[in-house]
């Protein structure tokens, strides 16, 4: 199992450590509920250094990215970033990712930890046509996400840049906590605001301690992956391996907004055809009407208790205090229905379909 640079720090903080995507990661420090509510109401810091980072640079960098990703990278400029997917040739997704433009003809791709090796191999294979430079920096960078309505107030004194002027999906390279060339971005995965910071792993302990020890009336808490999952679920955000995978279409996941018609990319014709004709299955959000916790792989039923879909992610929401989830349902079954049933270990529970996100600020 791989280790993140702050492994011993998390252990010393009493974190419950679990294997995740091949890494030993903190699941929670106090409880998922406490950490979830801390981010919704105040601020928290996540160590997500298991994520992968690739630098793509050279004369054909933009052309390579345009070919392997569904969104239009030409629409951004240095200091901006973009959410996208890398489609495979069979209708599914190699990975979903965020691409940062660092300079002209220089980009950073941030990919899911479980897909680092797979993604790198895939990109290198496609790059045979383009000959651009690809550097795997995953072991060199650390990544902390500072999330919550008070996150920027708490860490503002650690940098001379005005963090409040940073717009959604913008980023800067600046000094932070006494270190230069730190990338600060505003993408987010919680729906509660905040920033992400990328820096050389050798500086991890100093930067982590600076964040936790900053003088402010609001105290920032360390947050584990458990609350990261419940927070993203309340926003209806996809998680690779659950809502997205090698077989499932990004159109079914409701991501047609990042599939562009003005360029050619891998499997573009088929994905655009799906958008025009409509997908056979559709990702929905739902909440249980009574107590219960939906889990991944549970069956979704119609009112006749016939299986029409499957749960991909589920939880008991710490904020709403009810069972909520995401799942795929046959699109034809969604006509004129608002209620479904979830098979929870052989017992059917009523649920209603909810327009996402669940959490609306």
Protein backbone atom coordinates (compact mmCIF):
# COMPACT_ATOMS: atom_id res chain seq x y z
CA UNK A 1 0.00 0.00 0.00
CA UNK A 2 1.26 3.48 -0.86
CA UNK A 3 1.73 6.21 1.73
CA UNK A 4 0.95 9.92 1.49
CA UNK A 5 3.57 12.33 2.89
CA UNK A 6 1.47 13.23 5.97
CA UNK A 7 0.69 9.62 6.94
CA UNK A 8 2.31 9.81 10.39
CA UNK A 9 0.73 13.19 11.05
CA UNK A 10 -2.74 11.76 10.50
CA UNK A 11 -1.99 8.74 12.67
CA UNK A 12 -0.76 11.03 15.47
CA UNK A 13 -3.99 13.02 15.20
CA UNK A 14 -5.90 9.81 15.91
CA UNK A 15 -7.34 9.38 12.43
CA UNK A 16 -9.10 6.17 11.50
CA UNK A 17 -6.93 4.99 8.59
CA UNK A 18 -8.31 2.87 5.75
CA UNK A 19 -7.08 1.65 2.36
CA UNK A 20 -8.39 3.80 -0.48
CA UNK A 21 -7.28 3.70 -4.12
CA UNK A 22 -4.11 1.92 -3.07
CA UNK A 23 -3.22 4.48 -0.37
CA UNK A 24 -3.47 4.46 3.41
CA UNK A 25 -5.86 7.38 3.95
CA UNK A 26 -7.69 9.06 6.87
CA UNK A 27 -11.39 8.17 6.89
CA UNK A 28 -12.22 10.42 9.86
CA UNK A 29 -10.60 11.96 12.96
CA UNK A 30 -13.58 12.52 15.27
CA UNK A 31 -16.67 11.42 13.33
CA UNK A 32 -17.97 11.78 9.80
CA UNK A 33 -20.98 13.74 11.07
CA UNK A 34 -18.92 16.26 13.05
CA UNK A 35 -16.49 16.76 10.19
CA UNK A 36 -19.26 17.06 7.59
CA UNK A 37 -21.03 19.77 9.61
CA UNK A 38 -17.75 21.56 10.30
CA UNK A 39 -17.26 22.05 6.55
CA UNK A 40 -20.88 23.11 5.98
CA UNK A 41 -20.82 25.62 8.88
CA UNK A 42 -17.18 26.64 9.34
CA UNK A 43 -14.09 25.14 7.69
CA UNK A 44 -12.03 21.99 7.28
CA UNK A 45 -8.83 20.83 5.62
CA UNK A 46 -8.64 17.60 3.60
CA UNK A 47 -5.39 15.86 2.70
CA UNK A 48 -6.04 14.59 -0.82
CA UNK A 49 -2.39 14.10 -1.78
CA UNK A 50 -3.26 10.70 -3.21
CA UNK A 51 -4.61 12.46 -6.33
CA UNK A 52 -2.46 12.31 -9.45
CA UNK A 53 -0.88 15.25 -11.28
CA UNK A 54 0.50 15.18 -14.82
CA UNK A 55 2.24 18.07 -16.56
CA UNK A 56 1.51 18.24 -20.30
CA UNK A 57 3.66 20.72 -22.22
CA UNK A 58 4.92 21.41 -25.70
CA UNK A 59 3.80 22.74 -29.07
CA UNK A 60 1.05 20.10 -29.42
CA UNK A 61 -0.12 20.09 -25.79
CA UNK A 62 -3.45 21.73 -26.58
CA UNK A 63 -4.03 19.43 -29.56
CA UNK A 64 -3.41 16.32 -27.42
CA UNK A 65 -5.77 17.51 -24.69
CA UNK A 66 -8.45 18.42 -27.22
CA UNK A 67 -8.28 14.90 -28.65
CA UNK A 68 -8.38 12.98 -25.35
CA UNK A 69 -10.92 15.12 -23.46
CA UNK A 70 -14.56 15.97 -24.14
CA UNK A 71 -14.56 19.61 -23.05
CA UNK A 72 -13.00 22.46 -25.07
CA UNK A 73 -9.64 23.39 -23.56
CA UNK A 74 -9.26 26.28 -26.02
CA UNK A 75 -11.88 28.16 -24.00
CA UNK A 76 -9.52 28.65 -21.05
CA UNK A 77 -6.27 30.59 -20.67
CA UNK A 78 -3.37 30.63 -18.15
CA UNK A 79 -4.81 30.99 -14.66
CA UNK A 80 -7.99 29.07 -15.49
CA UNK A 81 -9.06 25.43 -15.16
CA UNK A 82 -11.73 23.14 -16.57
CA UNK A 83 -13.65 20.03 -15.55
CA UNK A 84 -13.76 17.32 -18.21
CA UNK A 85 -13.73 13.59 -18.90
CA UNK A 86 -11.48 11.40 -20.99
CA UNK A 87 -13.82 9.17 -23.01
CA UNK A 88 -12.72 5.69 -24.03
CA UNK A 89 -13.52 4.12 -27.39
CA UNK A 90 -16.40 2.00 -26.06
CA UNK A 91 -18.79 4.61 -24.68
CA UNK A 92 -17.44 4.83 -21.14
CA UNK A 93 -14.93 7.05 -19.37
CA UNK A 94 -11.22 6.51 -18.71
CA UNK A 95 -11.40 9.15 -15.97
CA UNK A 96 -12.93 12.46 -14.98
CA UNK A 97 -10.43 15.19 -14.17
CA UNK A 98 -9.62 18.88 -13.88
CA UNK A 99 -7.15 20.49 -16.27
CA UNK A 100 -5.27 23.64 -15.26
CA UNK A 101 -3.60 25.87 -17.83
CA UNK A 102 -0.36 26.98 -16.17
CA UNK A 103 1.23 28.77 -19.13
CA UNK A 104 0.88 28.93 -22.89
CA UNK A 105 1.25 25.32 -24.07
CA UNK A 106 1.66 24.03 -20.48
CA UNK A 107 -1.09 22.27 -18.53
CA UNK A 108 -1.56 20.28 -15.32
CA UNK A 109 -4.03 17.41 -15.31
CA UNK A 110 -5.37 16.33 -11.90
CA UNK A 111 -6.66 12.76 -12.03
CA UNK A 112 -8.21 10.27 -9.63
CA UNK A 113 -5.78 8.34 -7.45
CA UNK A 114 -7.12 4.94 -8.46
CA UNK A 115 -6.51 5.76 -12.12
CA UNK A 116 -3.01 7.29 -12.11
CA UNK A 117 -1.21 4.42 -13.84
CA UNK A 118 -4.10 3.67 -16.19
CA UNK A 119 -4.52 7.31 -17.18
CA UNK A 120 -0.81 7.81 -17.79
CA UNK A 121 -0.64 4.75 -20.03
CA UNK A 122 -3.74 5.88 -21.95
CA UNK A 123 -2.45 9.43 -22.47
CA UNK A 124 0.97 8.22 -23.59
CA UNK A 125 -0.68 5.88 -26.10
CA UNK A 126 -2.70 8.74 -27.60
CA UNK A 127 0.35 11.01 -27.53
CA UNK A 128 2.10 8.92 -30.17
CA UNK A 129 0.28 11.10 -32.71
CA UNK A 130 1.26 14.40 -31.06
CA UNK A 131 4.73 14.00 -29.53
CA UNK A 132 4.20 16.36 -26.60
CA UNK A 133 5.97 16.11 -23.23
CA UNK A 134 4.24 14.28 -20.37
CA UNK A 135 5.58 14.33 -16.80
CA UNK A 136 4.03 12.32 -13.98
CA UNK A 137 4.40 14.58 -10.92
CA UNK A 138 2.07 12.60 -8.66
CA UNK A 139 4.82 11.65 -6.20
CA UNK A 140 6.26 15.17 -6.17
CA UNK A 141 3.11 17.16 -5.35
CA UNK A 142 0.90 17.28 -2.29
CA UNK A 143 -2.66 18.57 -2.37
CA UNK A 144 -4.72 20.01 0.48
CA UNK A 145 -8.32 21.14 0.07
CA UNK A 146 -9.51 23.87 2.43
CA UNK A 147 -13.30 23.92 2.33
CA UNK A 148 -16.10 25.72 4.13
CA UNK A 149 -17.68 29.20 4.38
CA UNK A 150 -14.92 30.45 6.71
CA UNK A 151 -11.98 28.72 5.01
CA UNK A 152 -10.70 31.79 3.16
CA UNK A 153 -10.97 34.01 6.24
CA UNK A 154 -8.93 31.54 8.27
CA UNK A 155 -6.04 31.14 5.83
CA UNK A 156 -5.98 34.64 4.27
CA UNK A 157 -3.06 35.73 6.47
CA UNK A 158 -0.91 32.89 5.11
CA UNK A 159 -0.63 34.61 1.72
CA UNK A 160 -0.36 38.16 0.37
CA UNK A 161 -2.80 37.38 -2.43
CA UNK A 162 -6.44 38.33 -1.94
CA UNK A 163 -8.07 34.91 -1.93
CA UNK A 164 -11.54 36.43 -2.06
CA UNK A 165 -10.82 37.80 -5.54
CA UNK A 166 -10.26 34.28 -6.90
CA UNK A 167 -13.20 33.27 -9.09
CA UNK A 168 -14.57 29.77 -9.64
CA UNK A 169 -12.15 27.58 -11.59
CA UNK A 170 -9.38 30.18 -11.46
CA UNK A 171 -5.94 29.57 -9.98
CA UNK A 172 -2.79 31.48 -9.09
CA UNK A 173 0.83 30.62 -8.32
CA UNK A 174 1.97 32.51 -5.24
CA UNK A 175 3.63 32.33 -1.83
CA UNK A 176 1.75 30.53 0.94
CA UNK A 177 2.79 29.80 4.53
CA UNK A 178 6.32 30.98 3.72
CA UNK A 179 6.79 28.88 0.57
CA UNK A 180 6.89 30.12 -3.02
CA UNK A 181 5.33 28.66 -6.16
CA UNK A 182 2.25 27.27 -4.42
CA UNK A 183 -0.73 26.81 -6.73
CA UNK A 184 -4.00 27.96 -5.17
CA UNK A 185 -7.15 27.05 -7.07
CA UNK A 186 -10.88 27.39 -6.61
CA UNK A 187 -12.61 24.29 -7.96
CA UNK A 188 -14.13 22.53 -4.95
CA UNK A 189 -15.86 19.19 -4.36
CA UNK A 190 -18.04 20.05 -1.36
CA UNK A 191 -20.35 22.88 -2.38
CA UNK A 192 -19.29 25.00 0.61
CA UNK A 193 -16.59 27.11 -1.02
CA UNK A 194 -12.87 27.23 -0.36
CA UNK A 195 -9.64 26.54 -2.22
CA UNK A 196 -7.15 23.80 -3.05
CA UNK A 197 -3.39 24.21 -2.68
CA UNK A 198 -0.70 22.29 -4.59
CA UNK A 199 2.92 22.32 -3.43
CA UNK A 200 6.08 20.16 -3.32
CA UNK A 201 5.54 17.22 -0.97
CA UNK A 202 8.72 18.03 0.95
CA UNK A 203 6.89 21.04 2.43
CA UNK A 204 3.82 19.08 3.56
CA UNK A 205 4.36 19.13 7.32
CA UNK A 206 5.13 22.84 7.52
CA UNK A 207 2.17 23.88 5.40
CA UNK A 208 -0.25 21.51 7.18
CA UNK A 209 0.83 22.81 10.60
CA UNK A 210 0.59 26.43 9.45
CA UNK A 211 -3.01 25.86 8.40
CA UNK A 212 -4.07 24.08 11.59
CA UNK A 213 -2.25 26.55 13.86
CA UNK A 214 -3.25 29.80 12.16
CA UNK A 215 -4.51 32.44 14.59
CA UNK A 216 -8.20 32.99 13.96
CA UNK A 217 -11.35 32.92 16.04
CA UNK A 218 -12.63 30.14 13.78
CA UNK A 219 -10.71 26.89 14.14
CA UNK A 220 -10.14 24.76 11.06
CA UNK A 221 -10.57 21.00 11.56
CA UNK A 222 -8.83 18.13 9.75
CA UNK A 223 -11.41 16.26 7.67
CA UNK A 224 -11.27 12.67 6.40
CA UNK A 225 -12.47 10.99 3.23
CA UNK A 226 -15.72 9.91 4.88
CA UNK A 227 -17.04 13.46 5.08
CA UNK A 228 -15.58 14.26 1.66
CA UNK A 229 -17.88 11.58 0.25
CA UNK A 230 -21.01 12.69 2.11
CA UNK A 231 -20.37 16.33 1.17
CA UNK A 232 -19.97 15.56 -2.55
CA UNK A 233 -23.06 13.33 -2.40
CA UNK A 234 -25.16 16.20 -1.05
CA UNK A 235 -24.04 18.13 -4.15
CA UNK A 236 -24.84 15.25 -6.50
CA UNK A 237 -21.26 15.16 -7.79
CA UNK A 238 -20.06 12.05 -9.60
CA UNK A 239 -17.37 9.81 -8.15
CA UNK A 240 -15.31 7.69 -10.50
CA UNK A 241 -15.92 4.01 -9.79
CA UNK A 242 -19.46 4.76 -8.65
CA UNK A 243 -21.26 7.07 -11.08
CA UNK A 244 -18.55 6.95 -13.76
CA UNK A 245 -16.53 4.02 -15.09
CA UNK A 246 -15.18 2.38 -18.23
CA UNK A 247 -18.64 1.18 -19.28
CA UNK A 248 -21.01 3.95 -18.25
CA UNK A 249 -21.60 6.93 -20.53
CA UNK A 250 -20.98 10.48 -19.27
CA UNK A 251 -24.23 11.42 -21.06
CA UNK A 252 -26.16 9.10 -18.72
CA UNK A 253 -24.41 10.82 -15.80
CA UNK A 254 -25.81 14.19 -16.86
CA UNK A 255 -22.45 15.50 -18.05
CA UNK A 256 -23.51 16.51 -21.54
CA UNK A 257 -22.54 20.09 -20.62
CA UNK A 258 -18.84 19.11 -20.84
CA UNK A 259 -19.24 17.27 -24.16
CA UNK A 260 -18.58 19.81 -26.91
CA UNK A 261 -19.77 19.70 -30.52
CA UNK A 262 -17.19 22.07 -31.98
CA UNK A 263 -14.27 19.60 -32.03
CA UNK A 264 -13.33 15.98 -32.65
CA UNK A 265 -12.28 13.84 -29.71
CA UNK A 266 -12.20 10.15 -28.85
CA UNK A 267 -15.66 8.61 -29.42
CA UNK A 268 -17.18 12.05 -29.99
CA UNK A 269 -19.61 10.90 -32.68
CA UNK A 270 -21.19 8.27 -30.45
CA UNK A 271 -21.45 10.56 -27.43
CA UNK A 272 -23.04 13.34 -29.46
CA UNK A 273 -25.50 10.81 -30.90
CA UNK A 274 -26.44 9.79 -27.36
CA UNK A 275 -27.12 13.42 -26.49
CA UNK A 276 -29.38 13.80 -29.54
CA UNK A 277 -31.25 10.53 -29.07
CA UNK A 278 -31.23 10.45 -25.27
CA UNK A 279 -29.43 7.92 -23.03
CA UNK A 280 -30.97 4.56 -22.15
CA UNK A 281 -30.32 5.17 -18.45
CA UNK A 282 -30.24 8.37 -16.40
CA UNK A 283 -28.55 9.31 -13.14
CA UNK A 284 -31.03 10.45 -10.49
CA UNK A 285 -30.93 11.68 -6.93
CA UNK A 286 -33.36 10.34 -4.35
CA UNK A 287 -34.17 10.50 -0.66
CA UNK A 288 -35.86 7.89 1.49
CA UNK A 289 -39.23 8.77 3.01
CA UNK A 290 -38.51 6.80 6.17
CA UNK A 291 -35.39 5.82 8.08
CA UNK A 292 -32.85 3.76 6.24
CA UNK A 293 -29.49 3.98 4.51
CA UNK A 294 -29.22 3.22 0.79
CA UNK A 295 -25.92 1.65 -0.27
CA UNK A 296 -24.10 1.15 -3.52
CA UNK A 297 -25.43 -1.85 -5.55
CA UNK A 298 -28.89 -1.81 -3.91
CA UNK A 299 -31.70 -2.24 -6.44
CA UNK A 300 -34.01 0.59 -7.45
CA UNK A 301 -37.60 -0.55 -8.02
CA UNK A 302 -40.75 0.94 -9.52
CA UNK A 303 -44.06 0.95 -7.66
CA UNK A 304 -44.74 -2.57 -8.95
CA UNK A 305 -41.45 -3.55 -7.27
CA UNK A 306 -39.83 -4.37 -10.60
CA UNK A 307 -36.12 -3.60 -10.82
CA UNK A 308 -35.51 -0.49 -12.95
CA UNK A 309 -32.06 0.57 -11.80
CA UNK A 310 -29.25 0.43 -9.27
CA UNK A 311 -27.91 2.65 -6.50
CA UNK A 312 -24.37 3.90 -7.17
CA UNK A 313 -23.81 5.95 -3.99
CA UNK A 314 -25.77 6.24 -0.78
CA UNK A 315 -25.52 7.65 2.73
CA UNK A 316 -27.32 8.96 5.77
CA UNK A 317 -26.94 12.70 5.31
CA UNK A 318 -25.43 14.37 8.40
CA UNK A 319 -27.06 17.67 7.41
CA UNK A 320 -30.55 16.56 6.37
CA UNK A 321 -30.61 13.53 8.67
CA UNK A 322 -32.19 11.23 6.13
CA UNK A 323 -31.10 8.53 3.71
CA UNK A 324 -30.07 9.90 0.32
CA UNK A 325 -28.40 8.51 -2.74
CA UNK A 326 -27.60 8.55 -6.43
CA UNK A 327 -28.43 5.83 -8.89
CA UNK A 328 -29.08 4.92 -12.50
CA UNK A 329 -32.61 4.24 -13.70
CA UNK A 330 -33.89 3.18 -17.10
CA UNK A 331 -34.80 6.48 -18.79
CA UNK A 332 -38.11 5.12 -20.11
CA UNK A 333 -39.18 4.40 -16.51
CA UNK A 334 -38.76 8.04 -15.48
CA UNK A 335 -41.75 9.32 -17.41
CA UNK A 336 -44.36 10.72 -15.04
CA UNK A 337 -42.96 9.10 -11.90
CA UNK A 338 -41.71 10.89 -8.80
CA UNK A 339 -41.52 8.00 -6.39
CA UNK A 340 -39.43 4.83 -6.46
CA UNK A 341 -38.53 2.07 -4.02
CA UNK A 342 -35.13 0.94 -2.77
CA UNK A 343 -34.47 -2.69 -1.92
CA UNK A 344 -32.54 -2.52 1.36
CA UNK A 345 -31.42 -6.04 2.21
CA UNK A 346 -34.71 -7.57 1.07
CA UNK A 347 -36.98 -4.88 2.50
CA UNK A 348 -38.42 -2.24 0.16
CA UNK A 349 -38.39 1.39 1.28
CA UNK A 350 -40.25 4.25 -0.39
CA UNK A 351 -38.17 7.07 -1.85
CA UNK A 352 -38.81 10.18 -3.91
CA UNK A 353 -36.74 11.51 -6.79
CA UNK A 354 -34.98 14.77 -5.97
CA UNK A 355 -33.59 17.31 -8.40
CA UNK A 356 -29.89 17.66 -7.61
CA UNK A 357 -28.11 19.10 -5.82
CA UNK A 358 -29.62 18.04 -2.51
CA UNK A 359 -27.73 20.85 -0.77
CA UNK A 360 -28.63 24.31 -2.04
CA UNK A 361 -26.84 27.24 -0.44
